[in-house]
Amino acid sequence: MDPSIEGTYSQEEVIKYIHIGLLCVQENPDDRPTMATIAFYLNSPSINLPSPLEPPYFKRSRNDENTTSNNELDNIGDSTNGITVTQFFPR
């Protein structure tokens, strides 16, 4: 946890929130929980959460990352569903 956060917190609760967050970012939308399921997870003190799948961006080997061309990086904002992502640069 961030040392600047004051007060006490349950480490188990923090891990649970991270776990739920990982379930919400699954590559396949059908693998993501619904909002009703998320609310159920958050309100259940002891529940066995399903295991999240490995994120797709970790599946590439380190050698593949090093061979990415600048042209490929320019196309990161392209999308198959018509939604684009704007690249932000620090000021």
Protein backbone atom coordinates (compact mmCIF):
# COMPACT_ATOMS: atom_id res chain seq x y z
CA MET A 1 0.00 0.00 0.00
CA ASP A 2 0.98 3.59 -0.51
CA PRO A 3 2.68 4.78 2.70
CA SER A 4 1.01 8.19 2.36
CA ILE A 5 -2.41 6.61 3.03
CA GLU A 6 -3.11 7.10 6.68
CA GLY A 7 -5.18 4.93 8.96
CA THR A 8 -5.58 1.23 9.25
CA TYR A 9 -6.71 -1.07 6.51
CA SER A 10 -7.13 -4.77 6.03
CA GLN A 11 -4.51 -6.26 3.72
CA GLU A 12 -7.02 -9.00 2.81
CA GLU A 13 -9.54 -6.35 1.78
CA VAL A 14 -6.99 -4.56 -0.41
CA ILE A 15 -6.09 -7.85 -2.12
CA LYS A 16 -9.81 -8.53 -2.66
CA TYR A 17 -10.28 -5.13 -4.36
CA ILE A 18 -7.27 -5.73 -6.60
CA HIS A 19 -8.62 -9.18 -7.47
CA ILE A 20 -12.03 -7.72 -8.38
CA GLY A 21 -10.30 -5.04 -10.47
CA LEU A 22 -8.40 -7.72 -12.40
CA LEU A 23 -11.68 -9.54 -13.09
CA CYS A 24 -13.10 -6.29 -14.51
CA VAL A 25 -10.33 -5.89 -17.11
CA GLN A 26 -10.46 -9.32 -18.72
CA GLU A 27 -9.75 -9.22 -22.46
CA ASN A 28 -13.00 -10.99 -23.35
CA PRO A 29 -16.00 -8.92 -22.16
CA ASP A 30 -17.94 -12.15 -21.50
CA ASP A 31 -15.34 -13.04 -18.85
CA ARG A 32 -15.91 -9.76 -16.95
CA PRO A 33 -18.34 -9.67 -14.02
CA THR A 34 -21.54 -7.64 -14.22
CA MET A 35 -22.05 -4.64 -11.93
CA ALA A 36 -24.52 -6.72 -9.89
CA THR A 37 -21.85 -9.40 -9.44
CA ILE A 38 -19.26 -6.78 -8.46
CA ALA A 39 -21.64 -5.35 -5.86
CA PHE A 40 -22.20 -8.87 -4.53
CA TYR A 41 -18.42 -9.46 -4.33
CA LEU A 42 -17.87 -6.16 -2.52
CA ASN A 43 -20.65 -6.80 0.01
CA SER A 44 -19.68 -10.41 0.77
CA PRO A 45 -17.12 -10.58 3.58
CA SER A 46 -15.85 -14.04 2.65
CA ILE A 47 -16.32 -15.27 -0.89
CA ASN A 48 -14.17 -17.33 -3.21
CA LEU A 49 -13.57 -15.14 -6.24
CA PRO A 50 -12.91 -16.71 -9.64
CA SER A 51 -9.33 -16.55 -10.85
CA PRO A 52 -8.67 -13.83 -13.43
CA LEU A 53 -7.11 -14.86 -16.71
CA GLU A 54 -3.63 -13.65 -17.58
CA PRO A 55 -3.81 -10.19 -19.21
CA PRO A 56 -3.08 -10.39 -22.95
CA TYR A 57 -0.31 -7.79 -22.83
CA PHE A 58 1.76 -10.14 -20.62
CA LYS A 59 1.53 -13.00 -23.10
CA ARG A 60 4.10 -11.51 -25.48
CA SER A 61 7.66 -12.63 -24.95
CA ARG A 62 10.31 -10.09 -24.05
CA ASN A 63 11.91 -10.55 -27.50
CA ASP A 64 8.59 -9.64 -29.17
CA GLU A 65 8.45 -6.38 -27.21
CA ASN A 66 11.94 -5.38 -28.35
CA THR A 67 11.08 -5.89 -32.03
CA THR A 68 8.02 -3.61 -32.04
CA SER A 69 8.48 -1.06 -34.81
CA ASN A 70 7.72 2.64 -34.55
CA ASN A 71 5.00 2.13 -37.18
CA GLU A 72 3.28 -0.40 -34.89
CA LEU A 73 3.48 2.05 -31.99
CA ASP A 74 1.85 4.75 -34.15
CA ASN A 75 -1.17 2.47 -34.65
CA ILE A 76 -1.79 1.75 -30.97
CA GLY A 77 -4.84 4.04 -31.02
CA ASP A 78 -6.50 1.97 -33.77
CA SER A 79 -9.28 -0.33 -32.67
CA THR A 80 -11.39 -3.10 -34.12
CA ASN A 81 -14.56 -1.72 -32.53
CA GLY A 82 -14.31 1.84 -33.87
CA ILE A 83 -13.21 3.39 -30.56
CA THR A 84 -9.84 5.09 -30.49
CA VAL A 85 -7.53 5.91 -27.60
CA THR A 86 -5.71 9.21 -27.47
CA GLN A 87 -2.08 9.00 -26.47
CA PHE A 88 -1.17 11.42 -23.71
CA PHE A 89 2.30 12.81 -23.25
CA PRO A 90 3.71 14.43 -20.08
CA ARG A 91 4.00 18.20 -20.01
